[in-house]
Amino acid sequence: MSPEQPAPRDEDPIMQSLSKHARFCRRVEIEWIQPREPYGGWVSYEAFQPEQVQTCLSIGRLIHDDDCIKVLAGSAMIVGDEERLMLSGVIEIPARCVVRISILQIEQNYLSFDHHK
């Protein structure tokens, strides 16, 4: 294989290490509701006006998934001879805030969505 060509998916050391963590390999898009940030101090009840919640869209690798929380990592890398898996861009989303989870798949260099929930 020439240096210009990427390693096939099954020969890629990062993918081999990630395959040890089967759930981690799932690329997902999560649509979720984020409440407004807390006020920074006291607010008069008479002046209080509820604000709209924000709809967020997060994409990453699902590294934890249970009835309480969904955790995504935006990036991963393998470090050292012991092949430690390092994560970056980790976001924790309360499961009750999740509107929809879509599993992302690459098919012939195109991204496809498989919505569930």
PDB file of N, CA and C in Angstrom:
ATOM      1  N   MET A   1       0.840  -1.166   0.000  1.00  0.00           N
ATOM      2  CA  MET A   1       0.000   0.000   0.000  1.00  0.00           C
ATOM      3  C   MET A   1       0.892   1.239   0.000  1.00  0.00           C
ATOM      4  N   SER A   2       0.582   2.226  -0.827  1.00  0.00           N
ATOM      5  CA  SER A   2       1.397   3.435  -0.901  1.00  0.00           C
ATOM      6  C   SER A   2       1.070   4.362   0.259  1.00  0.00           C
ATOM      7  N   PRO A   3       2.016   5.266   0.648  1.00  0.00           N
ATOM      8  CA  PRO A   3       1.793   6.164   1.778  1.00  0.00           C
ATOM      9  C   PRO A   3       0.632   7.132   1.539  1.00  0.00           C
ATOM     10  N   GLU A   4       0.283   7.394   0.271  1.00  0.00           N
ATOM     11  CA  GLU A   4      -0.774   8.355  -0.029  1.00  0.00           C
ATOM     12  C   GLU A   4      -2.157   7.780   0.223  1.00  0.00           C
ATOM     13  N   GLN A   5      -2.292   6.451   0.175  1.00  0.00           N
ATOM     14  CA  GLN A   5      -3.597   5.832   0.326  1.00  0.00           C
ATOM     15  C   GLN A   5      -3.862   5.505   1.792  1.00  0.00           C
ATOM     16  N   PRO A   6      -5.080   5.831   2.287  1.00  0.00           N
ATOM     17  CA  PRO A   6      -5.389   5.475   3.672  1.00  0.00           C
ATOM     18  C   PRO A   6      -5.497   3.961   3.820  1.00  0.00           C
ATOM     19  N   ALA A   7      -5.230   3.489   5.026  1.00  0.00           N
ATOM     20  CA  ALA A   7      -5.341   2.055   5.292  1.00  0.00           C
ATOM     21  C   ALA A   7      -6.795   1.635   5.173  1.00  0.00           C
ATOM     22  N   PRO A   8      -7.048   0.438   4.641  1.00  0.00           N
ATOM     23  CA  PRO A   8      -8.427  -0.056   4.631  1.00  0.00           C
ATOM     24  C   PRO A   8      -8.970  -0.064   6.055  1.00  0.00           C
ATOM     25  N   ARG A   9     -10.278   0.078   6.183  1.00  0.00           N
ATOM     26  CA  ARG A   9     -10.919   0.202   7.486  1.00  0.00           C
ATOM     27  C   ARG A   9     -10.504  -0.918   8.436  1.00  0.00           C
ATOM     28  N   ASP A  10     -10.394  -2.159   7.955  1.00  0.00           N
ATOM     29  CA  ASP A  10     -10.055  -3.263   8.840  1.00  0.00           C
ATOM     30  C   ASP A  10      -8.572  -3.291   9.210  1.00  0.00           C
ATOM     31  N   GLU A  11      -7.719  -2.530   8.512  1.00  0.00           N
ATOM     32  CA  GLU A  11      -6.293  -2.473   8.831  1.00  0.00           C
ATOM     33  C   GLU A  11      -5.930  -1.207   9.594  1.00  0.00           C
ATOM     34  N   ASP A  12      -6.830  -0.260   9.695  1.00  0.00           N
ATOM     35  CA  ASP A  12      -6.588   1.007  10.379  1.00  0.00           C
ATOM     36  C   ASP A  12      -6.445   0.747  11.878  1.00  0.00           C
ATOM     37  N   PRO A  13      -5.280   1.104  12.493  1.00  0.00           N
ATOM     38  CA  PRO A  13      -5.076   0.799  13.915  1.00  0.00           C
ATOM     39  C   PRO A  13      -6.098   1.477  14.821  1.00  0.00           C
ATOM     40  N   ILE A  14      -6.543   2.668  14.481  1.00  0.00           N
ATOM     41  CA  ILE A  14      -7.550   3.339  15.306  1.00  0.00           C
ATOM     42  C   ILE A  14      -8.855   2.557  15.255  1.00  0.00           C
ATOM     43  N   MET A  15      -9.279   2.146  14.056  1.00  0.00           N
ATOM     44  CA  MET A  15     -10.523   1.397  13.935  1.00  0.00           C
ATOM     45  C   MET A  15     -10.401   0.033  14.617  1.00  0.00           C
ATOM     46  N   GLN A  16      -9.217  -0.597  14.566  1.00  0.00           N
ATOM     47  CA  GLN A  16      -9.035  -1.873  15.245  1.00  0.00           C
ATOM     48  C   GLN A  16      -9.199  -1.698  16.752  1.00  0.00           C
ATOM     49  N   SER A  17      -8.614  -0.621  17.283  1.00  0.00           N
ATOM     50  CA  SER A  17      -8.739  -0.375  18.716  1.00  0.00           C
ATOM     51  C   SER A  17     -10.174  -0.010  19.086  1.00  0.00           C
ATOM     52  N   LEU A  18     -10.820   0.800  18.258  1.00  0.00           N
ATOM     53  CA  LEU A  18     -12.201   1.194  18.530  1.00  0.00           C
ATOM     54  C   LEU A  18     -13.138   0.005  18.454  1.00  0.00           C
ATOM     55  N   SER A  19     -12.815  -0.970  17.595  1.00  0.00           N
ATOM     56  CA  SER A  19     -13.691  -2.127  17.458  1.00  0.00           C
ATOM     57  C   SER A  19     -13.743  -2.941  18.752  1.00  0.00           C
ATOM     58  N   LYS A  20     -12.743  -2.751  19.625  1.00  0.00           N
ATOM     59  CA  LYS A  20     -12.773  -3.401  20.937  1.00  0.00           C
ATOM     60  C   LYS A  20     -13.902  -2.815  21.780  1.00  0.00           C
ATOM     61  N   HIS A  21     -14.310  -1.622  21.438  1.00  0.00           N
ATOM     62  CA  HIS A  21     -15.383  -0.918  22.147  1.00  0.00           C
ATOM     63  C   HIS A  21     -16.549  -0.788  21.168  1.00  0.00           C
ATOM     64  N   ALA A  22     -17.292  -1.863  20.963  1.00  0.00           N
ATOM     65  CA  ALA A  22     -18.305  -1.935  19.898  1.00  0.00           C
ATOM     66  C   ALA A  22     -19.289  -0.784  19.929  1.00  0.00           C
ATOM     67  N   ARG A  23     -19.789  -0.415  21.091  1.00  0.00           N
ATOM     68  CA  ARG A  23     -20.770   0.670  21.155  1.00  0.00           C
ATOM     69  C   ARG A  23     -20.148   1.991  20.748  1.00  0.00           C
ATOM     70  N   PHE A  24     -18.854   2.153  21.008  1.00  0.00           N
ATOM     71  CA  PHE A  24     -18.193   3.407  20.683  1.00  0.00           C
ATOM     72  C   PHE A  24     -18.175   3.666  19.187  1.00  0.00           C
ATOM     73  N   CYS A  25     -18.194   2.628  18.412  1.00  0.00           N
ATOM     74  CA  CYS A  25     -18.076   2.777  16.966  1.00  0.00           C
ATOM     75  C   CYS A  25     -19.321   3.367  16.313  1.00  0.00           C
ATOM     76  N   ARG A  26     -20.426   3.464  17.047  1.00  0.00           N
ATOM     77  CA  ARG A  26     -21.639   4.001  16.441  1.00  0.00           C
ATOM     78  C   ARG A  26     -21.543   5.518  16.321  1.00  0.00           C
ATOM     79  N   ARG A  27     -21.633   6.003  15.098  1.00  0.00           N
ATOM     80  CA  ARG A  27     -21.682   7.445  14.861  1.00  0.00           C
ATOM     81  C   ARG A  27     -23.149   7.846  14.870  1.00  0.00           C
ATOM     82  N   VAL A  28     -23.489   8.847  15.674  1.00  0.00           N
ATOM     83  CA  VAL A  28     -24.885   9.239  15.785  1.00  0.00           C
ATOM     84  C   VAL A  28     -25.054  10.746  15.710  1.00  0.00           C
ATOM     85  N   GLU A  29     -26.283  11.120  15.420  1.00  0.00           N
ATOM     86  CA  GLU A  29     -26.721  12.511  15.494  1.00  0.00           C
ATOM     87  C   GLU A  29     -27.837  12.516  16.531  1.00  0.00           C
ATOM     88  N   ILE A  30     -27.720  13.384  17.532  1.00  0.00           N
ATOM     89  CA  ILE A  30     -28.752  13.476  18.561  1.00  0.00           C
ATOM     90  C   ILE A  30     -29.386  14.863  18.504  1.00  0.00           C
ATOM     91  N   GLU A  31     -30.699  14.884  18.342  1.00  0.00           N
ATOM     92  CA  GLU A  31     -31.456  16.127  18.439  1.00  0.00           C
ATOM     93  C   GLU A  31     -31.999  16.172  19.865  1.00  0.00           C
ATOM     94  N   TRP A  32     -31.750  17.284  20.562  1.00  0.00           N
ATOM     95  CA  TRP A  32     -32.134  17.352  21.966  1.00  0.00           C
ATOM     96  C   TRP A  32     -32.522  18.766  22.359  1.00  0.00           C
ATOM     97  N   ILE A  33     -33.241  18.852  23.457  1.00  0.00           N
ATOM     98  CA  ILE A  33     -33.725  20.133  23.964  1.00  0.00           C
ATOM     99  C   ILE A  33     -32.819  20.591  25.100  1.00  0.00           C
ATOM    100  N   GLN A  34     -32.346  21.829  24.996  1.00  0.00           N
ATOM    101  CA  GLN A  34     -31.512  22.404  26.044  1.00  0.00           C
ATOM    102  C   GLN A  34     -32.266  23.566  26.685  1.00  0.00           C
ATOM    103  N   PRO A  35     -32.491  23.495  27.996  1.00  0.00           N
ATOM    104  CA  PRO A  35     -33.157  24.624  28.642  1.00  0.00           C
ATOM    105  C   PRO A  35     -32.236  25.838  28.676  1.00  0.00           C
ATOM    106  N   ARG A  36     -32.822  26.966  28.884  1.00  0.00           N
ATOM    107  CA  ARG A  36     -32.082  28.221  28.972  1.00  0.00           C
ATOM    108  C   ARG A  36     -31.118  28.164  30.156  1.00  0.00           C
ATOM    109  N   GLU A  37     -30.021  28.871  30.058  1.00  0.00           N
ATOM    110  CA  GLU A  37     -29.038  28.953  31.143  1.00  0.00           C
ATOM    111  C   GLU A  37     -29.680  29.640  32.354  1.00  0.00           C
ATOM    112  N   PRO A  38     -29.268  29.273  33.569  1.00  0.00           N
ATOM    113  CA  PRO A  38     -29.834  29.925  34.760  1.00  0.00           C
ATOM    114  C   PRO A  38     -29.525  31.426  34.776  1.00  0.00           C
ATOM    115  N   TYR A  39     -30.424  32.175  35.377  1.00  0.00           N
ATOM    116  CA  TYR A  39     -30.182  33.605  35.561  1.00  0.00           C
ATOM    117  C   TYR A  39     -29.007  33.785  36.505  1.00  0.00           C
ATOM    118  N   GLY A  40     -28.294  34.893  36.368  1.00  0.00           N
ATOM    119  CA  GLY A  40     -27.099  35.126  37.171  1.00  0.00           C
ATOM    120  C   GLY A  40     -27.368  35.716  38.540  1.00  0.00           C
ATOM    121  N   GLY A  41     -28.589  35.951  38.898  1.00  0.00           N
ATOM    122  CA  GLY A  41     -28.891  36.534  40.211  1.00  0.00           C
ATOM    123  C   GLY A  41     -30.387  36.496  40.451  1.00  0.00           C
ATOM    124  N   TRP A  42     -30.824  37.351  41.328  1.00  0.00           N
ATOM    125  CA  TRP A  42     -32.238  37.412  41.672  1.00  0.00           C
ATOM    126  C   TRP A  42     -33.031  38.050  40.546  1.00  0.00           C
ATOM    127  N   VAL A  43     -34.242  37.537  40.330  1.00  0.00           N
ATOM    128  CA  VAL A  43     -35.125  38.053  39.287  1.00  0.00           C
ATOM    129  C   VAL A  43     -36.484  38.339  39.925  1.00  0.00           C
ATOM    130  N   SER A  44     -37.025  39.499  39.630  1.00  0.00           N
ATOM    131  CA  SER A  44     -38.344  39.858  40.124  1.00  0.00           C
ATOM    132  C   SER A  44     -39.397  38.934  39.509  1.00  0.00           C
ATOM    133  N   TYR A  45     -40.268  38.391  40.333  1.00  0.00           N
ATOM    134  CA  TYR A  45     -41.312  37.503  39.841  1.00  0.00           C
ATOM    135  C   TYR A  45     -42.195  38.220  38.823  1.00  0.00           C
ATOM    136  N   GLU A  46     -42.533  39.475  39.078  1.00  0.00           N
ATOM    137  CA  GLU A  46     -43.390  40.234  38.170  1.00  0.00           C
ATOM    138  C   GLU A  46     -42.728  40.459  36.817  1.00  0.00           C
ATOM    139  N   ALA A  47     -41.416  40.594  36.803  1.00  0.00           N
ATOM    140  CA  ALA A  47     -40.692  40.864  35.547  1.00  0.00           C
ATOM    141  C   ALA A  47     -40.280  39.571  34.821  1.00  0.00           C
ATOM    142  N   PHE A  48     -40.444  38.435  35.501  1.00  0.00           N
ATOM    143  CA  PHE A  48     -39.993  37.176  34.908  1.00  0.00           C
ATOM    144  C   PHE A  48     -40.839  36.799  33.688  1.00  0.00           C
ATOM    145  N   GLN A  49     -40.160  36.444  32.608  1.00  0.00           N
ATOM    146  CA  GLN A  49     -40.796  35.950  31.390  1.00  0.00           C
ATOM    147  C   GLN A  49     -40.102  34.657  30.986  1.00  0.00           C
ATOM    148  N   PRO A  50     -40.843  33.542  30.909  1.00  0.00           N
ATOM    149  CA  PRO A  50     -40.197  32.294  30.463  1.00  0.00           C
ATOM    150  C   PRO A  50     -39.671  32.456  29.038  1.00  0.00           C
ATOM    151  N   GLU A  51     -38.556  31.816  28.776  1.00  0.00           N
ATOM    152  CA  GLU A  51     -37.951  31.885  27.450  1.00  0.00           C
ATOM    153  C   GLU A  51     -38.075  30.539  26.752  1.00  0.00           C
ATOM    154  N   GLN A  52     -37.963  30.579  25.440  1.00  0.00           N
ATOM    155  CA  GLN A  52     -38.015  29.356  24.637  1.00  0.00           C
ATOM    156  C   GLN A  52     -36.815  28.473  24.956  1.00  0.00           C
ATOM    157  N   VAL A  53     -37.022  27.159  24.900  1.00  0.00           N
ATOM    158  CA  VAL A  53     -35.896  26.233  25.011  1.00  0.00           C
ATOM    159  C   VAL A  53     -35.179  26.214  23.666  1.00  0.00           C
ATOM    160  N   GLN A  54     -33.969  25.726  23.670  1.00  0.00           N
ATOM    161  CA  GLN A  54     -33.185  25.639  22.441  1.00  0.00           C
ATOM    162  C   GLN A  54     -33.177  24.197  21.953  1.00  0.00           C
ATOM    163  N   THR A  55     -33.357  24.020  20.641  1.00  0.00           N
ATOM    164  CA  THR A  55     -33.206  22.702  20.041  1.00  0.00           C
ATOM    165  C   THR A  55     -31.771  22.592  19.541  1.00  0.00           C
ATOM    166  N   CYS A  56     -31.070  21.580  20.006  1.00  0.00           N
ATOM    167  CA  CYS A  56     -29.660  21.389  19.654  1.00  0.00           C
ATOM    168  C   CYS A  56     -29.507  20.138  18.797  1.00  0.00           C
ATOM    169  N   LEU A  57     -28.451  20.121  18.019  1.00  0.00           N
ATOM    170  CA  LEU A  57     -28.102  18.970  17.201  1.00  0.00           C
ATOM    171  C   LEU A  57     -26.629  18.672  17.452  1.00  0.00           C
ATOM    172  N   SER A  58     -26.337  17.496  17.990  1.00  0.00           N
ATOM    173  CA  SER A  58     -24.964  17.100  18.282  1.00  0.00           C
ATOM    174  C   SER A  58     -24.638  15.830  17.512  1.00  0.00           C
ATOM    175  N   ILE A  59     -23.428  15.789  16.952  1.00  0.00           N
ATOM    176  CA  ILE A  59     -22.974  14.639  16.169  1.00  0.00           C
ATOM    177  C   ILE A  59     -21.663  14.145  16.763  1.00  0.00           C
ATOM    178  N   GLY A  60     -21.546  12.834  16.921  1.00  0.00           N
ATOM    179  CA  GLY A  60     -20.317  12.260  17.446  1.00  0.00           C
ATOM    180  C   GLY A  60     -20.451  10.764  17.597  1.00  0.00           C
ATOM    181  N   ARG A  61     -19.517  10.191  18.350  1.00  0.00           N
ATOM    182  CA  ARG A  61     -19.542   8.756  18.622  1.00  0.00           C
ATOM    183  C   ARG A  61     -20.192   8.545  19.983  1.00  0.00           C
ATOM    184  N   LEU A  62     -21.183   7.675  20.021  1.00  0.00           N
ATOM    185  CA  LEU A  62     -21.909   7.391  21.250  1.00  0.00           C
ATOM    186  C   LEU A  62     -21.042   6.520  22.141  1.00  0.00           C
ATOM    187  N   ILE A  63     -20.557   7.082  23.254  1.00  0.00           N
ATOM    188  CA  ILE A  63     -19.649   6.334  24.124  1.00  0.00           C
ATOM    189  C   ILE A  63     -20.333   5.815  25.374  1.00  0.00           C
ATOM    190  N   HIS A  64     -21.531   6.325  25.664  1.00  0.00           N
ATOM    191  CA  HIS A  64     -22.313   5.817  26.794  1.00  0.00           C
ATOM    192  C   HIS A  64     -23.780   6.047  26.472  1.00  0.00           C
ATOM    193  N   ASP A  65     -24.605   5.028  26.728  1.00  0.00           N
ATOM    194  CA  ASP A  65     -26.020   5.107  26.376  1.00  0.00           C
ATOM    195  C   ASP A  65     -26.824   4.303  27.384  1.00  0.00           C
ATOM    196  N   ASP A  66     -27.568   5.001  28.241  1.00  0.00           N
ATOM    197  CA  ASP A  66     -28.473   4.309  29.151  1.00  0.00           C
ATOM    198  C   ASP A  66     -29.738   5.139  29.323  1.00  0.00           C
ATOM    199  N   ASP A  67     -30.602   4.740  30.242  1.00  0.00           N
ATOM    200  CA  ASP A  67     -31.877   5.427  30.425  1.00  0.00           C
ATOM    201  C   ASP A  67     -31.720   6.810  31.043  1.00  0.00           C
ATOM    202  N   CYS A  68     -30.559   7.095  31.615  1.00  0.00           N
ATOM    203  CA  CYS A  68     -30.319   8.384  32.275  1.00  0.00           C
ATOM    204  C   CYS A  68     -29.615   9.399  31.378  1.00  0.00           C
ATOM    205  N   ILE A  69     -28.596   8.929  30.647  1.00  0.00           N
ATOM    206  CA  ILE A  69     -27.726   9.875  29.943  1.00  0.00           C
ATOM    207  C   ILE A  69     -27.196   9.277  28.639  1.00  0.00           C
ATOM    208  N   LYS A  70     -26.988  10.146  27.668  1.00  0.00           N
ATOM    209  CA  LYS A  70     -26.327   9.791  26.407  1.00  0.00           C
ATOM    210  C   LYS A  70     -25.043  10.622  26.392  1.00  0.00           C
ATOM    211  N   VAL A  71     -23.914   9.993  26.086  1.00  0.00           N
ATOM    212  CA  VAL A  71     -22.641  10.708  26.066  1.00  0.00           C
ATOM    213  C   VAL A  71     -22.000  10.537  24.691  1.00  0.00           C
ATOM    214  N   LEU A  72     -21.650  11.673  24.071  1.00  0.00           N
ATOM    215  CA  LEU A  72     -20.998  11.683  22.760  1.00  0.00           C
ATOM    216  C   LEU A  72     -19.565  12.171  22.901  1.00  0.00           C
ATOM    217  N   ALA A  73     -18.684  11.648  22.047  1.00  0.00           N
ATOM    218  CA  ALA A  73     -17.319  12.155  21.916  1.00  0.00           C
ATOM    219  C   ALA A  73     -17.161  12.625  20.474  1.00  0.00           C
ATOM    220  N   GLY A  74     -16.665  13.831  20.298  1.00  0.00           N
ATOM    221  CA  GLY A  74     -16.465  14.379  18.964  1.00  0.00           C
ATOM    222  C   GLY A  74     -15.256  13.794  18.262  1.00  0.00           C
ATOM    223  N   SER A  75     -14.222  13.469  19.032  1.00  0.00           N
ATOM    224  CA  SER A  75     -12.977  12.948  18.454  1.00  0.00           C
ATOM    225  C   SER A  75     -12.385  11.885  19.365  1.00  0.00           C
ATOM    226  N   ALA A  76     -11.553  11.025  18.752  1.00  0.00           N
ATOM    227  CA  ALA A  76     -10.854   9.989  19.509  1.00  0.00           C
ATOM    228  C   ALA A  76      -9.490   9.767  18.888  1.00  0.00           C
ATOM    229  N   MET A  77      -8.548   9.349  19.726  1.00  0.00           N
ATOM    230  CA  MET A  77      -7.230   8.981  19.209  1.00  0.00           C
ATOM    231  C   MET A  77      -6.656   7.888  20.094  1.00  0.00           C
ATOM    232  N   ILE A  78      -5.749   7.110  19.520  1.00  0.00           N
ATOM    233  CA  ILE A  78      -5.061   6.041  20.224  1.00  0.00           C
ATOM    234  C   ILE A  78      -3.683   6.569  20.613  1.00  0.00           C
ATOM    235  N   VAL A  79      -3.308   6.401  21.892  1.00  0.00           N
ATOM    236  CA  VAL A  79      -2.050   6.951  22.401  1.00  0.00           C
ATOM    237  C   VAL A  79      -1.182   5.841  22.972  1.00  0.00           C
ATOM    238  N   GLY A  80       0.082   5.869  22.596  1.00  0.00           N
ATOM    239  CA  GLY A  80       1.078   4.993  23.203  1.00  0.00           C
ATOM    240  C   GLY A  80       0.992   3.537  22.799  1.00  0.00           C
ATOM    241  N   ASP A  81       2.003   2.801  23.270  1.00  0.00           N
ATOM    242  CA  ASP A  81       2.087   1.374  22.972  1.00  0.00           C
ATOM    243  C   ASP A  81       0.942   0.592  23.602  1.00  0.00           C
ATOM    244  N   GLU A  82       0.418   1.120  24.724  1.00  0.00           N
ATOM    245  CA  GLU A  82      -0.688   0.421  25.385  1.00  0.00           C
ATOM    246  C   GLU A  82      -2.032   0.723  24.740  1.00  0.00           C
ATOM    247  N   GLU A  83      -2.008   1.534  23.674  1.00  0.00           N
ATOM    248  CA  GLU A  83      -3.194   1.874  22.886  1.00  0.00           C
ATOM    249  C   GLU A  83      -4.338   2.396  23.748  1.00  0.00           C
ATOM    250  N   ARG A  84      -4.013   3.405  24.563  1.00  0.00           N
ATOM    251  CA  ARG A  84      -5.060   4.047  25.363  1.00  0.00           C
ATOM    252  C   ARG A  84      -5.957   4.853  24.448  1.00  0.00           C
ATOM    253  N   LEU A  85      -7.247   4.741  24.643  1.00  0.00           N
ATOM    254  CA  LEU A  85      -8.219   5.485  23.861  1.00  0.00           C
ATOM    255  C   LEU A  85      -8.469   6.818  24.551  1.00  0.00           C
ATOM    256  N   MET A  86      -8.132   7.930  23.876  1.00  0.00           N
ATOM    257  CA  MET A  86      -8.317   9.276  24.416  1.00  0.00           C
ATOM    258  C   MET A  86      -9.479   9.941  23.685  1.00  0.00           C
ATOM    259  N   LEU A  87     -10.313  10.666  24.419  1.00  0.00           N
ATOM    260  CA  LEU A  87     -11.504  11.296  23.858  1.00  0.00           C
ATOM    261  C   LEU A  87     -11.422  12.808  23.978  1.00  0.00           C
ATOM    262  N   SER A  88     -12.076  13.490  23.056  1.00  0.00           N
ATOM    263  CA  SER A  88     -12.149  14.948  23.087  1.00  0.00           C
ATOM    264  C   SER A  88     -13.554  15.363  22.661  1.00  0.00           C
ATOM    265  N   GLY A  89     -13.975  16.529  23.097  1.00  0.00           N
ATOM    266  CA  GLY A  89     -15.287  17.042  22.721  1.00  0.00           C
ATOM    267  C   GLY A  89     -16.415  16.206  23.295  1.00  0.00           C
ATOM    268  N   VAL A  90     -16.270  15.796  24.566  1.00  0.00           N
ATOM    269  CA  VAL A  90     -17.271  14.946  25.205  1.00  0.00           C
ATOM    270  C   VAL A  90     -18.448  15.806  25.682  1.00  0.00           C
ATOM    271  N   ILE A  91     -19.658  15.375  25.354  1.00  0.00           N
ATOM    272  CA  ILE A  91     -20.865  16.080  25.770  1.00  0.00           C
ATOM    273  C   ILE A  91     -21.825  15.079  26.394  1.00  0.00           C
ATOM    274  N   GLU A  92     -22.391  15.452  27.548  1.00  0.00           N
ATOM    275  CA  GLU A  92     -23.364  14.618  28.247  1.00  0.00           C
ATOM    276  C   GLU A  92     -24.745  15.211  28.037  1.00  0.00           C
ATOM    277  N   ILE A  93     -25.680  14.382  27.560  1.00  0.00           N
ATOM    278  CA  ILE A  93     -27.034  14.837  27.267  1.00  0.00           C
ATOM    279  C   ILE A  93     -27.999  14.024  28.121  1.00  0.00           C
ATOM    280  N   PRO A  94     -28.793  14.678  28.974  1.00  0.00           N
ATOM    281  CA  PRO A  94     -29.786  13.922  29.747  1.00  0.00           C
ATOM    282  C   PRO A  94     -30.744  13.193  28.809  1.00  0.00           C
ATOM    283  N   ALA A  95     -30.984  11.914  29.070  1.00  0.00           N
ATOM    284  CA  ALA A  95     -31.820  11.095  28.187  1.00  0.00           C
ATOM    285  C   ALA A  95     -33.219  11.691  28.022  1.00  0.00           C
ATOM    286  N   ARG A  96     -33.752  12.309  29.047  1.00  0.00           N
ATOM    287  CA  ARG A  96     -35.098  12.888  28.971  1.00  0.00           C
ATOM    288  C   ARG A  96     -35.159  14.096  28.041  1.00  0.00           C
ATOM    289  N   CYS A  97     -34.013  14.663  27.693  1.00  0.00           N
ATOM    290  CA  CYS A  97     -33.975  15.816  26.788  1.00  0.00           C
ATOM    291  C   CYS A  97     -33.862  15.400  25.322  1.00  0.00           C
ATOM    292  N   VAL A  98     -33.626  14.115  25.065  1.00  0.00           N
ATOM    293  CA  VAL A  98     -33.416  13.634  23.699  1.00  0.00           C
ATOM    294  C   VAL A  98     -34.742  13.575  22.943  1.00  0.00           C
ATOM    295  N   VAL A  99     -34.761  14.207  21.765  1.00  0.00           N
ATOM    296  CA  VAL A  99     -35.917  14.177  20.876  1.00  0.00           C
ATOM    297  C   VAL A  99     -35.789  13.009  19.907  1.00  0.00           C
ATOM    298  N   ARG A 100     -34.576  12.862  19.324  1.00  0.00           N
ATOM    299  CA  ARG A 100     -34.357  11.824  18.314  1.00  0.00           C
ATOM    300  C   ARG A 100     -32.870  11.474  18.250  1.00  0.00           C
ATOM    301  N   ILE A 101     -32.609  10.198  18.009  1.00  0.00           N
ATOM    302  CA  ILE A 101     -31.245   9.727  17.745  1.00  0.00           C
ATOM    303  C   ILE A 101     -31.243   9.100  16.362  1.00  0.00           C
ATOM    304  N   SER A 102     -30.295   9.524  15.530  1.00  0.00           N
ATOM    305  CA  SER A 102     -30.136   8.957  14.193  1.00  0.00           C
ATOM    306  C   SER A 102     -28.762   8.316  14.113  1.00  0.00           C
ATOM    307  N   ILE A 103     -28.715   7.081  13.649  1.00  0.00           N
ATOM    308  CA  ILE A 103     -27.435   6.403  13.452  1.00  0.00           C
ATOM    309  C   ILE A 103     -26.903   6.828  12.085  1.00  0.00           C
ATOM    310  N   LEU A 104     -25.668   7.304  12.047  1.00  0.00           N
ATOM    311  CA  LEU A 104     -25.058   7.772  10.801  1.00  0.00           C
ATOM    312  C   LEU A 104     -24.215   6.652  10.213  1.00  0.00           C
ATOM    313  N   GLN A 105     -24.324   6.471   8.919  1.00  0.00           N
ATOM    314  CA  GLN A 105     -23.538   5.461   8.227  1.00  0.00           C
ATOM    315  C   GLN A 105     -22.941   6.071   6.979  1.00  0.00           C
ATOM    316  N   ILE A 106     -21.694   5.688   6.667  1.00  0.00           N
ATOM    317  CA  ILE A 106     -21.047   6.133   5.440  1.00  0.00           C
ATOM    318  C   ILE A 106     -21.282   5.070   4.379  1.00  0.00           C
ATOM    319  N   GLU A 107     -21.875   5.466   3.296  1.00  0.00           N
ATOM    320  CA  GLU A 107     -22.121   4.547   2.187  1.00  0.00           C
ATOM    321  C   GLU A 107     -21.584   5.172   0.910  1.00  0.00           C
ATOM    322  N   GLN A 108     -20.540   4.601   0.360  1.00  0.00           N
ATOM    323  CA  GLN A 108     -19.910   5.076  -0.872  1.00  0.00           C
ATOM    324  C   GLN A 108     -19.624   6.582  -0.798  1.00  0.00           C
ATOM    325  N   ASN A 109     -18.960   6.981   0.287  1.00  0.00           N
ATOM    326  CA  ASN A 109     -18.539   8.365   0.518  1.00  0.00           C
ATOM    327  C   ASN A 109     -19.688   9.343   0.724  1.00  0.00           C
ATOM    328  N   TYR A 110     -20.897   8.850   0.990  1.00  0.00           N
ATOM    329  CA  TYR A 110     -22.014   9.708   1.313  1.00  0.00           C
ATOM    330  C   TYR A 110     -22.510   9.365   2.703  1.00  0.00           C
ATOM    331  N   LEU A 111     -22.934  10.357   3.425  1.00  0.00           N
ATOM    332  CA  LEU A 111     -23.441  10.169   4.776  1.00  0.00           C
ATOM    333  C   LEU A 111     -24.935   9.899   4.697  1.00  0.00           C
ATOM    334  N   SER A 112     -25.414   8.855   5.370  1.00  0.00           N
ATOM    335  CA  SER A 112     -26.848   8.565   5.371  1.00  0.00           C
ATOM    336  C   SER A 112     -27.337   8.555   6.816  1.00  0.00           C
ATOM    337  N   PHE A 113     -28.632   8.768   6.989  1.00  0.00           N
ATOM    338  CA  PHE A 113     -29.235   8.826   8.306  1.00  0.00           C
ATOM    339  C   PHE A 113     -30.233   7.689   8.474  1.00  0.00           C
ATOM    340  N   ASP A 114     -30.212   7.054   9.628  1.00  0.00           N
ATOM    341  CA  ASP A 114     -31.168   6.024   9.967  1.00  0.00           C
ATOM    342  C   ASP A 114     -31.833   6.465  11.263  1.00  0.00           C
ATOM    343  N   HIS A 115     -32.959   7.184  11.161  1.00  0.00           N
ATOM    344  CA  HIS A 115     -33.623   7.744  12.335  1.00  0.00           C
ATOM    345  C   HIS A 115     -34.269   6.643  13.164  1.00  0.00           C
ATOM    346  N   HIS A 116     -34.106   6.737  14.476  1.00  0.00           N
ATOM    347  CA  HIS A 116     -34.874   5.895  15.378  1.00  0.00           C
ATOM    348  C   HIS A 116     -35.172   6.700  16.636  1.00  0.00           C
ATOM    349  N   LYS A 117     -36.243   6.434  17.241  1.00  0.00           N
ATOM    350  CA  LYS A 117     -36.837   7.064  18.414  1.00  0.00           C
ATOM    351  C   LYS A 117     -37.890   8.042  18.018  1.00  0.00           C
TER     352      LYS A 117
END
